[in-house]
Amino acid sequence: MFTSVLMIEKALTSADVEFVTTLHGDEPVRFHVLLQPRGEQADRLLRAIDDLAIGAVEEAVREGETPEGEEARSEGERALEVSLAALRAAGSTADGRLIEDHPLDALKSLVAEVGADEVIVLTDPHYVEEFFHRDWASRARHKVGVPVLKLFSHSKA
């Protein structure tokens, strides 16, 4: 069985689930999902710049409405439950947890703990962070010791 650590920031869409569950053909995959709610992981200014870069002015204006703290945690728990259920419904084995602080440290620990074969980072584009190689995938490549695949979410959840 192939073991993947899947790092996400929101609930997986059906297209995301199909994409990650078919990456290895017919080989069974066990997913260990790490979710850090968006309200906890990125600076509002950077998110607003990302929104403006893709022409999503309305999204940039709404960045101030992004839940944080306990509200983000509650939404994150729901997103994790939905994502795990979708992965299982697609025939994969899946477990997961929320990350509150230091996502890359949590990622490194989990990769070692489960003997992961790869890390998949599945997020919306974060152009500013990617440009400066400060996004999760770029930084993880130097920390985890296994291949890191960066994928973009298929749609807004």
N, C-alpha and C. Protein backbone atom coordinates (compact mmCIF):
# COMPACT_ATOMS: atom_id res chain seq x y z
N MET A 1 0.85 -1.18 0.00
CA MET A 1 0.00 0.00 0.00
C MET A 1 0.89 1.24 0.00
N PHE A 2 0.53 2.20 -0.82
CA PHE A 2 1.26 3.45 -0.93
C PHE A 2 0.76 4.40 0.16
N THR A 3 1.64 5.09 0.85
CA THR A 3 1.26 5.98 1.94
C THR A 3 1.55 7.42 1.56
N SER A 4 0.49 8.25 1.55
CA SER A 4 0.61 9.67 1.20
C SER A 4 0.15 10.52 2.37
N VAL A 5 0.92 11.56 2.64
CA VAL A 5 0.46 12.60 3.56
C VAL A 5 -0.10 13.71 2.68
N LEU A 6 -1.34 14.05 2.93
CA LEU A 6 -2.05 15.05 2.13
C LEU A 6 -2.27 16.28 2.99
N MET A 7 -1.66 17.39 2.60
CA MET A 7 -1.77 18.64 3.35
C MET A 7 -2.75 19.55 2.63
N ILE A 8 -3.82 19.96 3.35
CA ILE A 8 -4.87 20.78 2.75
C ILE A 8 -5.22 21.94 3.67
N GLU A 9 -5.96 22.92 3.11
CA GLU A 9 -6.39 24.06 3.91
C GLU A 9 -7.90 24.24 3.93
N LYS A 10 -8.62 23.39 3.19
CA LYS A 10 -10.08 23.44 3.14
C LYS A 10 -10.59 22.08 2.71
N ALA A 11 -11.89 21.91 2.73
CA ALA A 11 -12.48 20.64 2.35
C ALA A 11 -12.14 20.29 0.90
N LEU A 12 -11.90 19.02 0.67
CA LEU A 12 -11.63 18.55 -0.69
C LEU A 12 -12.92 18.57 -1.50
N THR A 13 -12.81 18.96 -2.75
CA THR A 13 -13.95 18.88 -3.67
C THR A 13 -13.97 17.47 -4.27
N SER A 14 -15.05 17.11 -4.93
CA SER A 14 -15.11 15.79 -5.56
C SER A 14 -14.02 15.66 -6.63
N ALA A 15 -13.73 16.74 -7.35
CA ALA A 15 -12.66 16.71 -8.36
C ALA A 15 -11.29 16.51 -7.70
N ASP A 16 -11.07 17.14 -6.54
CA ASP A 16 -9.81 16.95 -5.80
C ASP A 16 -9.66 15.50 -5.38
N VAL A 17 -10.73 14.93 -4.85
CA VAL A 17 -10.69 13.54 -4.38
C VAL A 17 -10.37 12.60 -5.54
N GLU A 18 -11.05 12.80 -6.67
CA GLU A 18 -10.78 11.95 -7.83
C GLU A 18 -9.33 12.10 -8.28
N PHE A 19 -8.83 13.32 -8.28
CA PHE A 19 -7.46 13.58 -8.71
C PHE A 19 -6.45 12.85 -7.83
N VAL A 20 -6.54 13.04 -6.51
CA VAL A 20 -5.52 12.44 -5.64
C VAL A 20 -5.67 10.93 -5.50
N THR A 21 -6.89 10.42 -5.63
CA THR A 21 -7.06 8.97 -5.48
C THR A 21 -6.70 8.21 -6.74
N THR A 22 -6.53 8.89 -7.85
CA THR A 22 -6.16 8.20 -9.10
C THR A 22 -4.70 8.44 -9.49
N LEU A 23 -3.96 9.14 -8.69
CA LEU A 23 -2.56 9.44 -9.01
C LEU A 23 -1.71 8.19 -9.18
N HIS A 24 -2.02 7.14 -8.45
CA HIS A 24 -1.20 5.93 -8.46
C HIS A 24 -1.91 4.76 -9.13
N GLY A 25 -2.81 5.07 -10.04
CA GLY A 25 -3.51 4.01 -10.76
C GLY A 25 -4.32 3.13 -9.84
N ASP A 26 -4.14 1.83 -9.97
CA ASP A 26 -4.92 0.87 -9.17
C ASP A 26 -4.27 0.52 -7.84
N GLU A 27 -3.08 1.07 -7.58
CA GLU A 27 -2.41 0.77 -6.32
C GLU A 27 -3.19 1.40 -5.16
N PRO A 28 -3.47 0.61 -4.13
CA PRO A 28 -4.19 1.18 -2.98
C PRO A 28 -3.34 2.24 -2.27
N VAL A 29 -4.03 3.29 -1.80
CA VAL A 29 -3.34 4.40 -1.13
C VAL A 29 -3.96 4.63 0.24
N ARG A 30 -3.11 4.85 1.19
CA ARG A 30 -3.54 5.27 2.53
C ARG A 30 -3.18 6.74 2.67
N PHE A 31 -4.19 7.55 2.98
CA PHE A 31 -3.97 8.99 3.14
C PHE A 31 -3.96 9.36 4.61
N HIS A 32 -3.00 10.16 4.98
CA HIS A 32 -2.95 10.80 6.29
C HIS A 32 -3.10 12.29 5.99
N VAL A 33 -4.23 12.84 6.37
CA VAL A 33 -4.58 14.21 5.99
C VAL A 33 -4.25 15.17 7.12
N LEU A 34 -3.55 16.25 6.78
CA LEU A 34 -3.30 17.35 7.71
C LEU A 34 -4.05 18.56 7.16
N LEU A 35 -4.88 19.16 7.99
CA LEU A 35 -5.62 20.35 7.57
C LEU A 35 -5.35 21.47 8.54
N GLN A 36 -4.91 22.60 8.00
CA GLN A 36 -4.79 23.80 8.80
C GLN A 36 -5.78 24.80 8.24
N PRO A 37 -6.76 25.18 9.03
CA PRO A 37 -7.77 26.12 8.53
C PRO A 37 -7.12 27.38 7.99
N ARG A 38 -7.66 27.86 6.89
CA ARG A 38 -7.07 29.01 6.20
C ARG A 38 -6.93 30.23 7.10
N GLY A 39 -7.88 30.45 7.97
CA GLY A 39 -7.81 31.60 8.86
C GLY A 39 -6.62 31.58 9.78
N GLU A 40 -6.03 30.41 9.98
CA GLU A 40 -4.89 30.30 10.88
C GLU A 40 -3.55 30.31 10.16
N GLN A 41 -3.51 30.07 8.85
CA GLN A 41 -2.22 29.79 8.22
C GLN A 41 -1.64 30.90 7.39
N ALA A 42 -2.39 31.91 7.04
CA ALA A 42 -1.82 32.91 6.12
C ALA A 42 -2.20 34.31 6.56
N ASP A 43 -1.35 35.21 6.28
CA ASP A 43 -1.58 36.61 6.57
C ASP A 43 -2.66 37.15 5.64
N ARG A 44 -3.58 37.93 6.18
CA ARG A 44 -4.68 38.47 5.36
C ARG A 44 -4.18 39.31 4.20
N LEU A 45 -3.14 40.08 4.40
CA LEU A 45 -2.63 40.91 3.32
C LEU A 45 -2.13 40.06 2.16
N LEU A 46 -1.39 38.99 2.46
CA LEU A 46 -0.91 38.11 1.39
C LEU A 46 -2.07 37.46 0.66
N ARG A 47 -3.09 37.04 1.39
CA ARG A 47 -4.26 36.44 0.74
C ARG A 47 -4.96 37.45 -0.14
N ALA A 48 -5.08 38.67 0.33
CA ALA A 48 -5.74 39.71 -0.48
C ALA A 48 -4.93 40.00 -1.75
N ILE A 49 -3.61 40.03 -1.65
CA ILE A 49 -2.77 40.24 -2.83
C ILE A 49 -2.94 39.08 -3.81
N ASP A 50 -2.99 37.86 -3.29
CA ASP A 50 -3.23 36.71 -4.15
C ASP A 50 -4.56 36.84 -4.88
N ASP A 51 -5.60 37.25 -4.16
CA ASP A 51 -6.91 37.43 -4.77
C ASP A 51 -6.86 38.49 -5.87
N LEU A 52 -6.19 39.58 -5.59
CA LEU A 52 -6.07 40.64 -6.60
C LEU A 52 -5.27 40.17 -7.82
N ALA A 53 -4.25 39.35 -7.60
CA ALA A 53 -3.42 38.87 -8.70
C ALA A 53 -4.22 38.05 -9.71
N ILE A 54 -5.27 37.37 -9.24
CA ILE A 54 -6.08 36.59 -10.16
C ILE A 54 -7.36 37.32 -10.55
N GLY A 55 -7.46 38.58 -10.16
CA GLY A 55 -8.62 39.39 -10.55
C GLY A 55 -9.85 39.17 -9.70
N ALA A 56 -9.69 38.57 -8.54
CA ALA A 56 -10.83 38.31 -7.65
C ALA A 56 -10.95 39.44 -6.63
N VAL A 57 -11.35 40.61 -7.10
CA VAL A 57 -11.42 41.79 -6.24
C VAL A 57 -12.41 41.58 -5.09
N GLU A 58 -13.55 40.97 -5.39
CA GLU A 58 -14.54 40.74 -4.33
C GLU A 58 -14.00 39.84 -3.23
N GLU A 59 -13.22 38.83 -3.63
CA GLU A 59 -12.60 37.94 -2.64
C GLU A 59 -11.60 38.71 -1.78
N ALA A 60 -10.84 39.60 -2.41
CA ALA A 60 -9.85 40.39 -1.67
C ALA A 60 -10.54 41.24 -0.61
N VAL A 61 -11.68 41.81 -0.96
CA VAL A 61 -12.42 42.64 -0.02
C VAL A 61 -12.95 41.80 1.14
N ARG A 62 -13.31 40.55 0.88
CA ARG A 62 -13.88 39.68 1.91
C ARG A 62 -12.85 39.00 2.79
N GLU A 63 -11.57 39.20 2.54
CA GLU A 63 -10.54 38.54 3.36
C GLU A 63 -10.70 38.85 4.84
N GLY A 64 -11.20 40.02 5.16
CA GLY A 64 -11.41 40.37 6.56
C GLY A 64 -12.47 39.53 7.24
N GLU A 65 -13.29 38.84 6.44
CA GLU A 65 -14.36 37.99 6.98
C GLU A 65 -13.90 36.56 7.21
N THR A 66 -12.67 36.23 6.86
CA THR A 66 -12.16 34.88 7.03
C THR A 66 -12.16 34.53 8.52
N PRO A 67 -12.80 33.40 8.86
CA PRO A 67 -12.86 33.02 10.28
C PRO A 67 -11.47 32.76 10.85
N GLU A 68 -11.32 33.08 12.11
CA GLU A 68 -10.07 32.81 12.80
C GLU A 68 -10.41 32.24 14.17
N GLY A 69 -9.39 31.76 14.85
CA GLY A 69 -9.56 31.25 16.20
C GLY A 69 -10.50 30.05 16.25
N GLU A 70 -11.39 30.03 17.23
CA GLU A 70 -12.29 28.90 17.45
C GLU A 70 -13.23 28.68 16.27
N GLU A 71 -13.67 29.76 15.65
CA GLU A 71 -14.57 29.62 14.49
C GLU A 71 -13.85 28.91 13.35
N ALA A 72 -12.59 29.24 13.10
CA ALA A 72 -11.81 28.58 12.05
C ALA A 72 -11.60 27.11 12.40
N ARG A 73 -11.37 26.84 13.67
CA ARG A 73 -11.17 25.45 14.11
C ARG A 73 -12.42 24.62 13.87
N SER A 74 -13.56 25.18 14.20
CA SER A 74 -14.83 24.48 14.00
C SER A 74 -15.06 24.19 12.52
N GLU A 75 -14.82 25.18 11.66
CA GLU A 75 -14.96 24.98 10.22
C GLU A 75 -13.92 23.99 9.72
N GLY A 76 -12.72 24.05 10.28
CA GLY A 76 -11.67 23.12 9.90
C GLY A 76 -12.02 21.68 10.24
N GLU A 77 -12.62 21.47 11.41
CA GLU A 77 -13.03 20.12 11.81
C GLU A 77 -14.06 19.56 10.83
N ARG A 78 -15.03 20.40 10.45
CA ARG A 78 -16.04 19.97 9.48
C ARG A 78 -15.39 19.66 8.13
N ALA A 79 -14.48 20.52 7.69
CA ALA A 79 -13.80 20.31 6.40
C ALA A 79 -12.99 19.01 6.43
N LEU A 80 -12.35 18.73 7.54
CA LEU A 80 -11.57 17.50 7.67
C LEU A 80 -12.49 16.28 7.61
N GLU A 81 -13.60 16.31 8.34
CA GLU A 81 -14.55 15.20 8.34
C GLU A 81 -15.08 14.93 6.93
N VAL A 82 -15.46 15.99 6.22
CA VAL A 82 -15.97 15.86 4.86
C VAL A 82 -14.90 15.26 3.95
N SER A 83 -13.68 15.74 4.07
CA SER A 83 -12.59 15.26 3.22
C SER A 83 -12.27 13.79 3.48
N LEU A 84 -12.21 13.41 4.74
CA LEU A 84 -11.93 12.01 5.08
C LEU A 84 -13.04 11.10 4.57
N ALA A 85 -14.29 11.51 4.74
CA ALA A 85 -15.42 10.71 4.26
C ALA A 85 -15.36 10.55 2.74
N ALA A 86 -15.00 11.61 2.04
CA ALA A 86 -14.92 11.55 0.57
C ALA A 86 -13.79 10.63 0.11
N LEU A 87 -12.65 10.69 0.77
CA LEU A 87 -11.54 9.80 0.42
C LEU A 87 -11.91 8.34 0.67
N ARG A 88 -12.57 8.08 1.78
CA ARG A 88 -13.00 6.71 2.10
C ARG A 88 -14.05 6.22 1.11
N ALA A 89 -14.98 7.10 0.74
CA ALA A 89 -16.01 6.72 -0.23
C ALA A 89 -15.39 6.39 -1.59
N ALA A 90 -14.24 6.97 -1.88
CA ALA A 90 -13.54 6.70 -3.14
C ALA A 90 -12.70 5.43 -3.06
N GLY A 91 -12.73 4.75 -1.91
CA GLY A 91 -12.04 3.48 -1.77
C GLY A 91 -10.67 3.55 -1.11
N SER A 92 -10.28 4.71 -0.63
CA SER A 92 -8.99 4.85 0.03
C SER A 92 -9.14 4.72 1.54
N THR A 93 -8.06 4.37 2.19
CA THR A 93 -7.99 4.41 3.64
C THR A 93 -7.55 5.82 4.01
N ALA A 94 -8.19 6.42 4.99
CA ALA A 94 -7.84 7.81 5.33
C ALA A 94 -8.06 8.09 6.80
N ASP A 95 -7.11 8.82 7.38
CA ASP A 95 -7.28 9.39 8.71
C ASP A 95 -6.71 10.80 8.65
N GLY A 96 -6.95 11.59 9.68
CA GLY A 96 -6.45 12.95 9.61
C GLY A 96 -6.53 13.68 10.92
N ARG A 97 -5.96 14.86 10.89
CA ARG A 97 -5.96 15.72 12.08
C ARG A 97 -5.82 17.17 11.66
N LEU A 98 -6.30 18.04 12.53
CA LEU A 98 -6.09 19.48 12.34
C LEU A 98 -4.71 19.84 12.86
N ILE A 99 -4.11 20.82 12.22
CA ILE A 99 -2.84 21.35 12.70
C ILE A 99 -3.12 22.78 13.18
N GLU A 100 -2.66 23.11 14.33
CA GLU A 100 -2.91 24.45 14.85
C GLU A 100 -1.70 25.36 14.68
N ASP A 101 -0.53 24.84 14.94
CA ASP A 101 0.69 25.64 14.87
C ASP A 101 1.75 24.88 14.09
N HIS A 102 2.66 25.61 13.51
CA HIS A 102 3.85 25.03 12.87
C HIS A 102 3.51 23.88 11.92
N PRO A 103 2.83 24.17 10.82
CA PRO A 103 2.39 23.10 9.92
C PRO A 103 3.54 22.26 9.35
N LEU A 104 4.67 22.86 9.10
CA LEU A 104 5.77 22.08 8.52
C LEU A 104 6.41 21.15 9.55
N ASP A 105 6.42 21.56 10.80
CA ASP A 105 6.91 20.66 11.85
C ASP A 105 5.97 19.47 12.01
N ALA A 106 4.66 19.74 11.98
CA ALA A 106 3.68 18.67 12.06
C ALA A 106 3.81 17.73 10.87
N LEU A 107 4.03 18.30 9.69
CA LEU A 107 4.20 17.51 8.48
C LEU A 107 5.42 16.60 8.59
N LYS A 108 6.54 17.15 8.99
CA LYS A 108 7.77 16.37 9.12
C LYS A 108 7.59 15.22 10.11
N SER A 109 6.96 15.51 11.23
CA SER A 109 6.73 14.48 12.25
C SER A 109 5.83 13.37 11.73
N LEU A 110 4.76 13.75 11.04
CA LEU A 110 3.83 12.75 10.52
C LEU A 110 4.48 11.89 9.44
N VAL A 111 5.25 12.49 8.55
CA VAL A 111 5.95 11.73 7.51
C VAL A 111 6.82 10.65 8.15
N ALA A 112 7.56 11.02 9.18
CA ALA A 112 8.42 10.06 9.87
C ALA A 112 7.59 9.01 10.61
N GLU A 113 6.54 9.45 11.28
CA GLU A 113 5.69 8.56 12.08
C GLU A 113 5.05 7.45 11.24
N VAL A 114 4.55 7.80 10.06
CA VAL A 114 3.81 6.83 9.25
C VAL A 114 4.66 6.22 8.13
N GLY A 115 5.90 6.65 7.99
CA GLY A 115 6.74 6.14 6.92
C GLY A 115 6.19 6.48 5.55
N ALA A 116 5.79 7.73 5.37
CA ALA A 116 5.14 8.16 4.13
C ALA A 116 6.06 8.01 2.93
N ASP A 117 5.43 7.68 1.79
CA ASP A 117 6.15 7.58 0.52
C ASP A 117 6.22 8.92 -0.19
N GLU A 118 5.28 9.80 0.12
CA GLU A 118 5.21 11.10 -0.55
C GLU A 118 4.37 12.06 0.29
N VAL A 119 4.49 13.34 -0.06
CA VAL A 119 3.63 14.38 0.49
C VAL A 119 2.93 15.04 -0.70
N ILE A 120 1.64 15.24 -0.56
CA ILE A 120 0.87 15.98 -1.55
C ILE A 120 0.35 17.23 -0.87
N VAL A 121 0.70 18.39 -1.40
CA VAL A 121 0.20 19.66 -0.89
C VAL A 121 -0.87 20.12 -1.88
N LEU A 122 -2.11 20.23 -1.42
CA LEU A 122 -3.24 20.59 -2.27
C LEU A 122 -3.88 21.85 -1.71
N THR A 123 -3.64 22.98 -2.37
CA THR A 123 -4.17 24.27 -1.90
C THR A 123 -4.61 25.11 -3.08
N ASP A 124 -5.25 26.20 -2.77
CA ASP A 124 -5.48 27.23 -3.77
C ASP A 124 -4.13 27.86 -4.07
N PRO A 125 -3.99 28.51 -5.23
CA PRO A 125 -2.73 29.21 -5.50
C PRO A 125 -2.48 30.32 -4.48
N HIS A 126 -1.24 30.46 -4.08
CA HIS A 126 -0.80 31.54 -3.20
C HIS A 126 0.39 32.18 -3.89
N TYR A 127 0.10 33.06 -4.84
CA TYR A 127 1.12 33.57 -5.75
C TYR A 127 2.28 34.28 -5.06
N VAL A 128 1.99 35.09 -4.08
CA VAL A 128 3.07 35.82 -3.40
C VAL A 128 3.99 34.84 -2.68
N GLU A 129 3.41 33.93 -1.92
CA GLU A 129 4.21 32.94 -1.20
C GLU A 129 4.99 32.05 -2.16
N GLU A 130 4.35 31.65 -3.26
CA GLU A 130 5.02 30.79 -4.23
C GLU A 130 6.18 31.52 -4.90
N PHE A 131 5.99 32.77 -5.24
CA PHE A 131 7.04 33.55 -5.88
C PHE A 131 8.30 33.59 -5.02
N PHE A 132 8.10 33.74 -3.73
CA PHE A 132 9.24 33.80 -2.80
C PHE A 132 9.59 32.43 -2.21
N HIS A 133 8.97 31.37 -2.74
CA HIS A 133 9.21 30.00 -2.27
C HIS A 133 8.96 29.87 -0.77
N ARG A 134 7.90 30.52 -0.30
CA ARG A 134 7.52 30.45 1.11
C ARG A 134 6.24 29.64 1.29
N ASP A 135 5.74 29.03 0.22
CA ASP A 135 4.54 28.21 0.32
C ASP A 135 4.90 26.87 0.96
N TRP A 136 3.88 26.13 1.37
CA TRP A 136 4.11 24.86 2.07
C TRP A 136 4.96 23.90 1.26
N ALA A 137 4.64 23.73 -0.01
CA ALA A 137 5.36 22.73 -0.81
C ALA A 137 6.83 23.09 -0.96
N SER A 138 7.12 24.32 -1.26
CA SER A 138 8.52 24.73 -1.42
C SER A 138 9.32 24.52 -0.15
N ARG A 139 8.74 24.89 0.97
CA ARG A 139 9.46 24.73 2.24
C ARG A 139 9.54 23.27 2.66
N ALA A 140 8.49 22.49 2.37
CA ALA A 140 8.47 21.08 2.76
C ALA A 140 9.55 20.28 2.03
N ARG A 141 9.83 20.66 0.81
CA ARG A 141 10.83 19.92 0.02
C ARG A 141 12.19 19.87 0.71
N HIS A 142 12.46 20.83 1.57
CA HIS A 142 13.73 20.89 2.28
C HIS A 142 13.67 20.25 3.66
N LYS A 143 12.48 19.76 4.05
CA LYS A 143 12.31 19.27 5.43
C LYS A 143 11.97 17.81 5.55
N VAL A 144 11.21 17.25 4.61
CA VAL A 144 10.56 15.97 4.89
C VAL A 144 11.28 14.73 4.40
N GLY A 145 12.17 14.84 3.43
CA GLY A 145 12.93 13.69 2.99
C GLY A 145 12.21 12.72 2.07
N VAL A 146 11.03 13.09 1.59
CA VAL A 146 10.30 12.30 0.60
C VAL A 146 9.84 13.25 -0.50
N PRO A 147 9.46 12.72 -1.67
CA PRO A 147 8.98 13.61 -2.73
C PRO A 147 7.76 14.43 -2.29
N VAL A 148 7.71 15.68 -2.72
CA VAL A 148 6.60 16.58 -2.41
C VAL A 148 5.97 17.01 -3.72
N LEU A 149 4.69 16.71 -3.86
CA LEU A 149 3.93 17.07 -5.06
C LEU A 149 2.99 18.21 -4.71
N LYS A 150 3.05 19.27 -5.50
CA LYS A 150 2.18 20.42 -5.26
C LYS A 150 1.07 20.40 -6.29
N LEU A 151 -0.17 20.43 -5.81
CA LEU A 151 -1.34 20.45 -6.67
C LEU A 151 -2.24 21.61 -6.28
N PHE A 152 -2.95 22.15 -7.26
CA PHE A 152 -3.90 23.20 -6.97
C PHE A 152 -5.30 22.62 -6.89
N SER A 153 -6.04 23.08 -5.91
CA SER A 153 -7.43 22.68 -5.74
C SER A 153 -8.20 22.99 -7.01
N HIS A 154 -9.14 22.12 -7.36
CA HIS A 154 -9.89 22.27 -8.60
C HIS A 154 -10.95 23.37 -8.55
N SER A 155 -11.44 23.67 -7.39
CA SER A 155 -12.44 24.74 -7.30
C SER A 155 -12.52 25.23 -5.87
N LYS A 156 -13.17 26.37 -5.71
CA LYS A 156 -13.35 26.93 -4.37
C LYS A 156 -14.35 26.07 -3.61
N ALA A 157 -14.02 25.78 -2.34
CA ALA A 157 -14.94 25.01 -1.51
C ALA A 157 -15.65 25.94 -0.57
